Amino acid sequence: MSSRLEAIDLLGQLSDDPRIDWQLRELASSSELGTRISAYEALCDRAERDRTRQLIEMTQDLAYQSEPRYLSQLHQSTSTKKHPTGERAGSVS
């Protein structure tokens, strides 16, 4: 029984594959309590890992889509301000 639980744990650690998820769902309906628990835990770990990956990708996409608002406002305010000499900020004489 111990080797079966270890095998279920290893299945849960493998990369995303619908066949593994299907097999773990089948094992989750086993009559053996230990097998059911291990399969549910593996499925939960896989779902959590997948959701974390999705959130990271979504955050990275948002970060690269556009410049943050405060930076664009800062850039606008410094480019339109004039120095006491009458020159715009950032201009080279």
PDB file of N, CA and C in Angstrom:
ATOM      1  N   MET A   1       0.827  -1.197   0.000  1.00  0.00           N
ATOM      2  CA  MET A   1       0.000   0.000   0.000  1.00  0.00           C
ATOM      3  C   MET A   1       0.867   1.255   0.000  1.00  0.00           C
ATOM      4  N   SER A   2       1.979   1.235   0.717  1.00  0.00           N
ATOM      5  CA  SER A   2       2.855   2.401   0.807  1.00  0.00           C
ATOM      6  C   SER A   2       3.402   2.791  -0.559  1.00  0.00           C
ATOM      7  N   SER A   3       3.776   1.810  -1.364  1.00  0.00           N
ATOM      8  CA  SER A   3       4.305   2.118  -2.698  1.00  0.00           C
ATOM      9  C   SER A   3       3.214   2.722  -3.588  1.00  0.00           C
ATOM     10  N   ARG A   4       1.968   2.310  -3.380  1.00  0.00           N
ATOM     11  CA  ARG A   4       0.868   2.875  -4.161  1.00  0.00           C
ATOM     12  C   ARG A   4       0.675   4.353  -3.812  1.00  0.00           C
ATOM     13  N   LEU A   5       0.757   4.672  -2.528  1.00  0.00           N
ATOM     14  CA  LEU A   5       0.605   6.060  -2.107  1.00  0.00           C
ATOM     15  C   LEU A   5       1.759   6.914  -2.614  1.00  0.00           C
ATOM     16  N   GLU A   6       2.957   6.357  -2.618  1.00  0.00           N
ATOM     17  CA  GLU A   6       4.108   7.072  -3.167  1.00  0.00           C
ATOM     18  C   GLU A   6       3.931   7.311  -4.664  1.00  0.00           C
ATOM     19  N   ALA A   7       3.379   6.317  -5.362  1.00  0.00           N
ATOM     20  CA  ALA A   7       3.138   6.458  -6.800  1.00  0.00           C
ATOM     21  C   ALA A   7       2.107   7.559  -7.068  1.00  0.00           C
ATOM     22  N   ILE A   8       1.081   7.630  -6.244  1.00  0.00           N
ATOM     23  CA  ILE A   8       0.061   8.670  -6.392  1.00  0.00           C
ATOM     24  C   ILE A   8       0.702  10.038  -6.160  1.00  0.00           C
ATOM     25  N   ASP A   9       1.540  10.121  -5.138  1.00  0.00           N
ATOM     26  CA  ASP A   9       2.238  11.375  -4.851  1.00  0.00           C
ATOM     27  C   ASP A   9       3.101  11.790  -6.043  1.00  0.00           C
ATOM     28  N   LEU A  10       3.798  10.850  -6.648  1.00  0.00           N
ATOM     29  CA  LEU A  10       4.625  11.153  -7.816  1.00  0.00           C
ATOM     30  C   LEU A  10       3.779  11.587  -9.015  1.00  0.00           C
ATOM     31  N   LEU A  11       2.631  10.957  -9.187  1.00  0.00           N
ATOM     32  CA  LEU A  11       1.725  11.382 -10.260  1.00  0.00           C
ATOM     33  C   LEU A  11       1.329  12.845 -10.070  1.00  0.00           C
ATOM     34  N   GLY A  12       1.082  13.223  -8.835  1.00  0.00           N
ATOM     35  CA  GLY A  12       0.692  14.596  -8.547  1.00  0.00           C
ATOM     36  C   GLY A  12       1.788  15.601  -8.845  1.00  0.00           C
ATOM     37  N   GLN A  13       3.031  15.171  -8.833  1.00  0.00           N
ATOM     38  CA  GLN A  13       4.151  16.073  -9.074  1.00  0.00           C
ATOM     39  C   GLN A  13       4.524  16.203 -10.546  1.00  0.00           C
ATOM     40  N   LEU A  14       3.992  15.322 -11.385  1.00  0.00           N
ATOM     41  CA  LEU A  14       4.311  15.373 -12.808  1.00  0.00           C
ATOM     42  C   LEU A  14       3.703  16.607 -13.458  1.00  0.00           C
ATOM     43  N   SER A  15       4.231  16.963 -14.631  1.00  0.00           N
ATOM     44  CA  SER A  15       3.741  18.147 -15.338  1.00  0.00           C
ATOM     45  C   SER A  15       2.284  17.967 -15.760  1.00  0.00           C
ATOM     46  N   ASP A  16       1.698  19.082 -16.177  1.00  0.00           N
ATOM     47  CA  ASP A  16       0.281  19.082 -16.561  1.00  0.00           C
ATOM     48  C   ASP A  16       0.009  18.106 -17.694  1.00  0.00           C
ATOM     49  N   ASP A  17      -0.956  17.263 -17.459  1.00  0.00           N
ATOM     50  CA  ASP A  17      -1.378  16.291 -18.464  1.00  0.00           C
ATOM     51  C   ASP A  17      -2.778  15.832 -18.074  1.00  0.00           C
ATOM     52  N   PRO A  18      -3.752  15.994 -18.939  1.00  0.00           N
ATOM     53  CA  PRO A  18      -5.115  15.596 -18.615  1.00  0.00           C
ATOM     54  C   PRO A  18      -5.255  14.108 -18.276  1.00  0.00           C
ATOM     55  N   ARG A  19      -4.375  13.282 -18.836  1.00  0.00           N
ATOM     56  CA  ARG A  19      -4.440  11.845 -18.543  1.00  0.00           C
ATOM     57  C   ARG A  19      -4.102  11.576 -17.076  1.00  0.00           C
ATOM     58  N   ILE A  20      -3.157  12.353 -16.534  1.00  0.00           N
ATOM     59  CA  ILE A  20      -2.801  12.177 -15.121  1.00  0.00           C
ATOM     60  C   ILE A  20      -3.963  12.629 -14.247  1.00  0.00           C
ATOM     61  N   ASP A  21      -4.562  13.757 -14.595  1.00  0.00           N
ATOM     62  CA  ASP A  21      -5.721  14.235 -13.828  1.00  0.00           C
ATOM     63  C   ASP A  21      -6.848  13.200 -13.854  1.00  0.00           C
ATOM     64  N   TRP A  22      -7.082  12.629 -15.011  1.00  0.00           N
ATOM     65  CA  TRP A  22      -8.139  11.619 -15.134  1.00  0.00           C
ATOM     66  C   TRP A  22      -7.832  10.420 -14.237  1.00  0.00           C
ATOM     67  N   GLN A  23      -6.586   9.952 -14.258  1.00  0.00           N
ATOM     68  CA  GLN A  23      -6.205   8.794 -13.453  1.00  0.00           C
ATOM     69  C   GLN A  23      -6.337   9.107 -11.958  1.00  0.00           C
ATOM     70  N   LEU A  24      -5.930  10.307 -11.567  1.00  0.00           N
ATOM     71  CA  LEU A  24      -6.059  10.689 -10.164  1.00  0.00           C
ATOM     72  C   LEU A  24      -7.531  10.771  -9.746  1.00  0.00           C
ATOM     73  N   ARG A  25      -8.387  11.216 -10.648  1.00  0.00           N
ATOM     74  CA  ARG A  25      -9.836  11.238 -10.342  1.00  0.00           C
ATOM     75  C   ARG A  25     -10.377   9.824 -10.153  1.00  0.00           C
ATOM     76  N   GLU A  26      -9.892   8.914 -10.986  1.00  0.00           N
ATOM     77  CA  GLU A  26     -10.294   7.515 -10.838  1.00  0.00           C
ATOM     78  C   GLU A  26      -9.837   6.965  -9.479  1.00  0.00           C
ATOM     79  N   LEU A  27      -8.597   7.294  -9.096  1.00  0.00           N
ATOM     80  CA  LEU A  27      -8.064   6.820  -7.820  1.00  0.00           C
ATOM     81  C   LEU A  27      -8.795   7.453  -6.640  1.00  0.00           C
ATOM     82  N   ALA A  28      -9.324   8.653  -6.843  1.00  0.00           N
ATOM     83  CA  ALA A  28     -10.053   9.332  -5.775  1.00  0.00           C
ATOM     84  C   ALA A  28     -11.375   8.646  -5.461  1.00  0.00           C
ATOM     85  N   SER A  29     -11.828   7.770  -6.317  1.00  0.00           N
ATOM     86  CA  SER A  29     -13.068   7.035  -6.050  1.00  0.00           C
ATOM     87  C   SER A  29     -12.778   5.607  -5.569  1.00  0.00           C
ATOM     88  N   SER A  30     -11.552   5.371  -5.173  1.00  0.00           N
ATOM     89  CA  SER A  30     -11.155   4.052  -4.681  1.00  0.00           C
ATOM     90  C   SER A  30     -11.873   3.716  -3.379  1.00  0.00           C
ATOM     91  N   SER A  31     -11.985   2.430  -3.089  1.00  0.00           N
ATOM     92  CA  SER A  31     -12.608   2.008  -1.832  1.00  0.00           C
ATOM     93  C   SER A  31     -11.635   2.129  -0.658  1.00  0.00           C
ATOM     94  N   GLU A  32     -10.344   2.267  -0.952  1.00  0.00           N
ATOM     95  CA  GLU A  32      -9.339   2.395   0.106  1.00  0.00           C
ATOM     96  C   GLU A  32      -9.190   3.861   0.503  1.00  0.00           C
ATOM     97  N   LEU A  33      -9.354   4.127   1.783  1.00  0.00           N
ATOM     98  CA  LEU A  33      -9.328   5.493   2.285  1.00  0.00           C
ATOM     99  C   LEU A  33      -7.992   6.184   1.993  1.00  0.00           C
ATOM    100  N   GLY A  34      -6.887   5.509   2.234  1.00  0.00           N
ATOM    101  CA  GLY A  34      -5.571   6.105   1.999  1.00  0.00           C
ATOM    102  C   GLY A  34      -5.362   6.494   0.557  1.00  0.00           C
ATOM    103  N   THR A  35      -5.829   5.657  -0.343  1.00  0.00           N
ATOM    104  CA  THR A  35      -5.714   5.941  -1.773  1.00  0.00           C
ATOM    105  C   THR A  35      -6.546   7.159  -2.139  1.00  0.00           C
ATOM    106  N   ARG A  36      -7.774   7.210  -1.629  1.00  0.00           N
ATOM    107  CA  ARG A  36      -8.651   8.355  -1.902  1.00  0.00           C
ATOM    108  C   ARG A  36      -8.027   9.661  -1.414  1.00  0.00           C
ATOM    109  N   ILE A  37      -7.533   9.639  -0.182  1.00  0.00           N
ATOM    110  CA  ILE A  37      -6.943  10.844   0.392  1.00  0.00           C
ATOM    111  C   ILE A  37      -5.726  11.291  -0.416  1.00  0.00           C
ATOM    112  N   SER A  38      -4.845  10.364  -0.743  1.00  0.00           N
ATOM    113  CA  SER A  38      -3.643  10.704  -1.528  1.00  0.00           C
ATOM    114  C   SER A  38      -4.013  11.260  -2.896  1.00  0.00           C
ATOM    115  N   ALA A  39      -5.015  10.677  -3.528  1.00  0.00           N
ATOM    116  CA  ALA A  39      -5.439  11.148  -4.849  1.00  0.00           C
ATOM    117  C   ALA A  39      -6.030  12.552  -4.757  1.00  0.00           C
ATOM    118  N   TYR A  40      -6.866  12.803  -3.755  1.00  0.00           N
ATOM    119  CA  TYR A  40      -7.428  14.145  -3.566  1.00  0.00           C
ATOM    120  C   TYR A  40      -6.327  15.162  -3.297  1.00  0.00           C
ATOM    121  N   GLU A  41      -5.368  14.804  -2.456  1.00  0.00           N
ATOM    122  CA  GLU A  41      -4.266  15.713  -2.158  1.00  0.00           C
ATOM    123  C   GLU A  41      -3.457  16.019  -3.411  1.00  0.00           C
ATOM    124  N   ALA A  42      -3.202  14.996  -4.211  1.00  0.00           N
ATOM    125  CA  ALA A  42      -2.445  15.199  -5.457  1.00  0.00           C
ATOM    126  C   ALA A  42      -3.224  16.100  -6.416  1.00  0.00           C
ATOM    127  N   LEU A  43      -4.523  15.883  -6.516  1.00  0.00           N
ATOM    128  CA  LEU A  43      -5.354  16.728  -7.384  1.00  0.00           C
ATOM    129  C   LEU A  43      -5.366  18.175  -6.893  1.00  0.00           C
ATOM    130  N   CYS A  44      -5.463  18.359  -5.604  1.00  0.00           N
ATOM    131  CA  CYS A  44      -5.453  19.716  -5.035  1.00  0.00           C
ATOM    132  C   CYS A  44      -4.125  20.409  -5.287  1.00  0.00           C
ATOM    133  N   ASP A  45      -3.030  19.687  -5.094  1.00  0.00           N
ATOM    134  CA  ASP A  45      -1.708  20.267  -5.344  1.00  0.00           C
ATOM    135  C   ASP A  45      -1.553  20.665  -6.808  1.00  0.00           C
ATOM    136  N   ARG A  46      -2.042  19.809  -7.698  1.00  0.00           N
ATOM    137  CA  ARG A  46      -1.942  20.106  -9.131  1.00  0.00           C
ATOM    138  C   ARG A  46      -2.781  21.326  -9.486  1.00  0.00           C
ATOM    139  N   ALA A  47      -3.982  21.415  -8.922  1.00  0.00           N
ATOM    140  CA  ALA A  47      -4.856  22.561  -9.206  1.00  0.00           C
ATOM    141  C   ALA A  47      -4.245  23.854  -8.661  1.00  0.00           C
ATOM    142  N   GLU A  48      -3.680  23.783  -7.472  1.00  0.00           N
ATOM    143  CA  GLU A  48      -3.062  24.966  -6.880  1.00  0.00           C
ATOM    144  C   GLU A  48      -1.853  25.415  -7.704  1.00  0.00           C
ATOM    145  N   ARG A  49      -1.053  24.469  -8.136  1.00  0.00           N
ATOM    146  CA  ARG A  49       0.121  24.783  -8.956  1.00  0.00           C
ATOM    147  C   ARG A  49      -0.301  25.407 -10.291  1.00  0.00           C
ATOM    148  N   ASP A  50      -1.365  24.876 -10.886  1.00  0.00           N
ATOM    149  CA  ASP A  50      -1.848  25.406 -12.150  1.00  0.00           C
ATOM    150  C   ASP A  50      -2.382  26.827 -11.972  1.00  0.00           C
ATOM    151  N   ARG A  51      -3.138  27.046 -10.904  1.00  0.00           N
ATOM    152  CA  ARG A  51      -3.704  28.380 -10.653  1.00  0.00           C
ATOM    153  C   ARG A  51      -2.597  29.398 -10.363  1.00  0.00           C
ATOM    154  N   THR A  52      -1.589  28.995  -9.621  1.00  0.00           N
ATOM    155  CA  THR A  52      -0.468  29.876  -9.338  1.00  0.00           C
ATOM    156  C   THR A  52       0.249  30.251 -10.634  1.00  0.00           C
ATOM    157  N   ARG A  53       0.447  29.276 -11.505  1.00  0.00           N
ATOM    158  CA  ARG A  53       1.086  29.537 -12.797  1.00  0.00           C
ATOM    159  C   ARG A  53       0.258  30.529 -13.619  1.00  0.00           C
ATOM    160  N   GLN A  54      -1.067  30.359 -13.625  1.00  0.00           N
ATOM    161  CA  GLN A  54      -1.943  31.267 -14.367  1.00  0.00           C
ATOM    162  C   GLN A  54      -1.865  32.686 -13.819  1.00  0.00           C
ATOM    163  N   LEU A  55      -1.852  32.813 -12.495  1.00  0.00           N
ATOM    164  CA  LEU A  55      -1.772  34.141 -11.889  1.00  0.00           C
ATOM    165  C   LEU A  55      -0.443  34.817 -12.198  1.00  0.00           C
ATOM    166  N   ILE A  56       0.637  34.053 -12.177  1.00  0.00           N
ATOM    167  CA  ILE A  56       1.950  34.614 -12.508  1.00  0.00           C
ATOM    168  C   ILE A  56       1.971  35.091 -13.956  1.00  0.00           C
ATOM    169  N   GLU A  57       1.457  34.288 -14.860  1.00  0.00           N
ATOM    170  CA  GLU A  57       1.424  34.676 -16.271  1.00  0.00           C
ATOM    171  C   GLU A  57       0.556  35.917 -16.477  1.00  0.00           C
ATOM    172  N   MET A  58      -0.589  35.967 -15.803  1.00  0.00           N
ATOM    173  CA  MET A  58      -1.484  37.098 -15.929  1.00  0.00           C
ATOM    174  C   MET A  58      -0.821  38.375 -15.395  1.00  0.00           C
ATOM    175  N   THR A  59      -0.125  38.263 -14.272  1.00  0.00           N
ATOM    176  CA  THR A  59       0.558  39.405 -13.685  1.00  0.00           C
ATOM    177  C   THR A  59       1.672  39.893 -14.599  1.00  0.00           C
ATOM    178  N   GLN A  60       2.415  38.963 -15.178  1.00  0.00           N
ATOM    179  CA  GLN A  60       3.486  39.351 -16.098  1.00  0.00           C
ATOM    180  C   GLN A  60       2.919  40.027 -17.337  1.00  0.00           C
ATOM    181  N   ASP A  61       1.807  39.516 -17.850  1.00  0.00           N
ATOM    182  CA  ASP A  61       1.180  40.136 -19.019  1.00  0.00           C
ATOM    183  C   ASP A  61       0.751  41.560 -18.705  1.00  0.00           C
ATOM    184  N   LEU A  62       0.159  41.766 -17.540  1.00  0.00           N
ATOM    185  CA  LEU A  62      -0.278  43.102 -17.155  1.00  0.00           C
ATOM    186  C   LEU A  62       0.909  44.034 -16.970  1.00  0.00           C
ATOM    187  N   ALA A  63       1.985  43.521 -16.432  1.00  0.00           N
ATOM    188  CA  ALA A  63       3.167  44.343 -16.194  1.00  0.00           C
ATOM    189  C   ALA A  63       3.799  44.807 -17.501  1.00  0.00           C
ATOM    190  N   TYR A  64       3.731  44.009 -18.533  1.00  0.00           N
ATOM    191  CA  TYR A  64       4.361  44.353 -19.802  1.00  0.00           C
ATOM    192  C   TYR A  64       3.428  45.057 -20.779  1.00  0.00           C
ATOM    193  N   GLN A  65       2.134  45.109 -20.471  1.00  0.00           N
ATOM    194  CA  GLN A  65       1.196  45.721 -21.397  1.00  0.00           C
ATOM    195  C   GLN A  65       1.397  47.224 -21.509  1.00  0.00           C
ATOM    196  N   SER A  66       1.576  47.874 -20.398  1.00  0.00           N
ATOM    197  CA  SER A  66       1.727  49.316 -20.460  1.00  0.00           C
ATOM    198  C   SER A  66       2.530  49.819 -19.275  1.00  0.00           C
ATOM    199  N   GLU A  67       2.981  51.020 -19.434  1.00  0.00           N
ATOM    200  CA  GLU A  67       3.731  51.683 -18.385  1.00  0.00           C
ATOM    201  C   GLU A  67       2.767  52.015 -17.247  1.00  0.00           C
ATOM    202  N   PRO A  68       3.167  51.811 -16.010  1.00  0.00           N
ATOM    203  CA  PRO A  68       2.276  52.157 -14.904  1.00  0.00           C
ATOM    204  C   PRO A  68       1.859  53.624 -14.968  1.00  0.00           C
ATOM    205  N   ARG A  69       0.650  53.893 -14.533  1.00  0.00           N
ATOM    206  CA  ARG A  69       0.072  55.228 -14.626  1.00  0.00           C
ATOM    207  C   ARG A  69       0.951  56.294 -13.967  1.00  0.00           C
ATOM    208  N   TYR A  70       1.475  56.004 -12.784  1.00  0.00           N
ATOM    209  CA  TYR A  70       2.258  57.019 -12.088  1.00  0.00           C
ATOM    210  C   TYR A  70       3.532  57.381 -12.849  1.00  0.00           C
ATOM    211  N   LEU A  71       4.103  56.410 -13.584  1.00  0.00           N
ATOM    212  CA  LEU A  71       5.296  56.718 -14.374  1.00  0.00           C
ATOM    213  C   LEU A  71       4.951  57.584 -15.572  1.00  0.00           C
ATOM    214  N   SER A  72       3.829  57.305 -16.227  1.00  0.00           N
ATOM    215  CA  SER A  72       3.454  58.110 -17.379  1.00  0.00           C
ATOM    216  C   SER A  72       3.085  59.523 -16.944  1.00  0.00           C
ATOM    217  N   GLN A  73       2.454  59.669 -15.773  1.00  0.00           N
ATOM    218  CA  GLN A  73       2.136  61.001 -15.265  1.00  0.00           C
ATOM    219  C   GLN A  73       3.399  61.754 -14.889  1.00  0.00           C
ATOM    220  N   LEU A  74       4.342  61.064 -14.276  1.00  0.00           N
ATOM    221  CA  LEU A  74       5.604  61.681 -13.906  1.00  0.00           C
ATOM    222  C   LEU A  74       6.348  62.145 -15.154  1.00  0.00           C
ATOM    223  N   HIS A  75       6.350  61.315 -16.180  1.00  0.00           N
ATOM    224  CA  HIS A  75       7.024  61.667 -17.428  1.00  0.00           C
ATOM    225  C   HIS A  75       6.382  62.899 -18.061  1.00  0.00           C
ATOM    226  N   GLN A  76       5.051  62.968 -18.063  1.00  0.00           N
ATOM    227  CA  GLN A  76       4.348  64.112 -18.633  1.00  0.00           C
ATOM    228  C   GLN A  76       4.642  65.385 -17.856  1.00  0.00           C
ATOM    229  N   SER A  77       4.640  65.288 -16.540  1.00  0.00           N
ATOM    230  CA  SER A  77       4.843  66.492 -15.734  1.00  0.00           C
ATOM    231  C   SER A  77       6.261  67.026 -15.867  1.00  0.00           C
ATOM    232  N   THR A  78       7.249  66.157 -15.998  1.00  0.00           N
ATOM    233  CA  THR A  78       8.630  66.643 -16.135  1.00  0.00           C
ATOM    234  C   THR A  78       8.907  67.159 -17.532  1.00  0.00           C
ATOM    235  N   SER A  79       8.220  66.664 -18.532  1.00  0.00           N
ATOM    236  CA  SER A  79       8.493  67.124 -19.898  1.00  0.00           C
ATOM    237  C   SER A  79       7.797  68.448 -20.195  1.00  0.00           C
ATOM    238  N   THR A  80       6.770  68.821 -19.434  1.00  0.00           N
ATOM    239  CA  THR A  80       6.064  70.080 -19.700  1.00  0.00           C
ATOM    240  C   THR A  80       6.488  71.203 -18.771  1.00  0.00           C
ATOM    241  N   LYS A  81       7.175  70.897 -17.691  1.00  0.00           N
ATOM    242  CA  LYS A  81       7.637  71.936 -16.773  1.00  0.00           C
ATOM    243  C   LYS A  81       8.782  72.704 -17.406  1.00  0.00           C
ATOM    244  N   LYS A  82       8.850  73.973 -17.062  1.00  0.00           N
ATOM    245  CA  LYS A  82       9.941  74.801 -17.578  1.00  0.00           C
ATOM    246  C   LYS A  82      10.864  75.155 -16.427  1.00  0.00           C
ATOM    247  N   HIS A  83      12.126  75.228 -16.734  1.00  0.00           N
ATOM    248  CA  HIS A  83      13.130  75.655 -15.766  1.00  0.00           C
ATOM    249  C   HIS A  83      13.080  77.181 -15.654  1.00  0.00           C
ATOM    250  N   PRO A  84      13.641  77.695 -14.578  1.00  0.00           N
ATOM    251  CA  PRO A  84      13.695  79.157 -14.445  1.00  0.00           C
ATOM    252  C   PRO A  84      14.375  79.845 -15.632  1.00  0.00           C
ATOM    253  N   THR A  85      15.210  79.119 -16.346  1.00  0.00           N
ATOM    254  CA  THR A  85      15.895  79.718 -17.501  1.00  0.00           C
ATOM    255  C   THR A  85      14.985  79.810 -18.718  1.00  0.00           C
ATOM    256  N   GLY A  86      13.788  79.213 -18.603  1.00  0.00           N
ATOM    257  CA  GLY A  86      12.858  79.246 -19.735  1.00  0.00           C
ATOM    258  C   GLY A  86      12.929  78.019 -20.617  1.00  0.00           C
ATOM    259  N   GLU A  87      13.847  77.102 -20.303  1.00  0.00           N
ATOM    260  CA  GLU A  87      13.988  75.883 -21.109  1.00  0.00           C
ATOM    261  C   GLU A  87      13.139  74.768 -20.487  1.00  0.00           C
ATOM    262  N   ARG A  88      12.694  73.881 -21.325  1.00  0.00           N
ATOM    263  CA  ARG A  88      11.933  72.727 -20.839  1.00  0.00           C
ATOM    264  C   ARG A  88      12.861  71.765 -20.151  1.00  0.00           C
ATOM    265  N   ALA A  89      12.317  71.024 -19.176  1.00  0.00           N
ATOM    266  CA  ALA A  89      13.117  70.005 -18.493  1.00  0.00           C
ATOM    267  C   ALA A  89      13.554  68.957 -19.489  1.00  0.00           C
ATOM    268  N   GLY A  90      14.787  68.548 -19.379  1.00  0.00           N
ATOM    269  CA  GLY A  90      15.304  67.495 -20.235  1.00  0.00           C
ATOM    270  C   GLY A  90      15.826  68.004 -21.571  1.00  0.00           C
ATOM    271  N   SER A  91      15.652  69.271 -21.885  1.00  0.00           N
ATOM    272  CA  SER A  91      16.167  69.756 -23.171  1.00  0.00           C
ATOM    273  C   SER A  91      17.644  70.106 -23.022  1.00  0.00           C
ATOM    274  N   VAL A  92      18.365  69.913 -24.084  1.00  0.00           N
ATOM    275  CA  VAL A  92      19.799  70.159 -24.087  1.00  0.00           C
ATOM    276  C   VAL A  92      20.055  71.452 -24.850  1.00  0.00           C
ATOM    277  N   SER A  93      20.839  72.353 -24.262  1.00  0.00           N
ATOM    278  CA  SER A  93      21.147  73.627 -24.928  1.00  0.00           C
ATOM    279  C   SER A  93      22.344  73.475 -25.833  1.00  0.00           C
TER     280      SER A  93
END
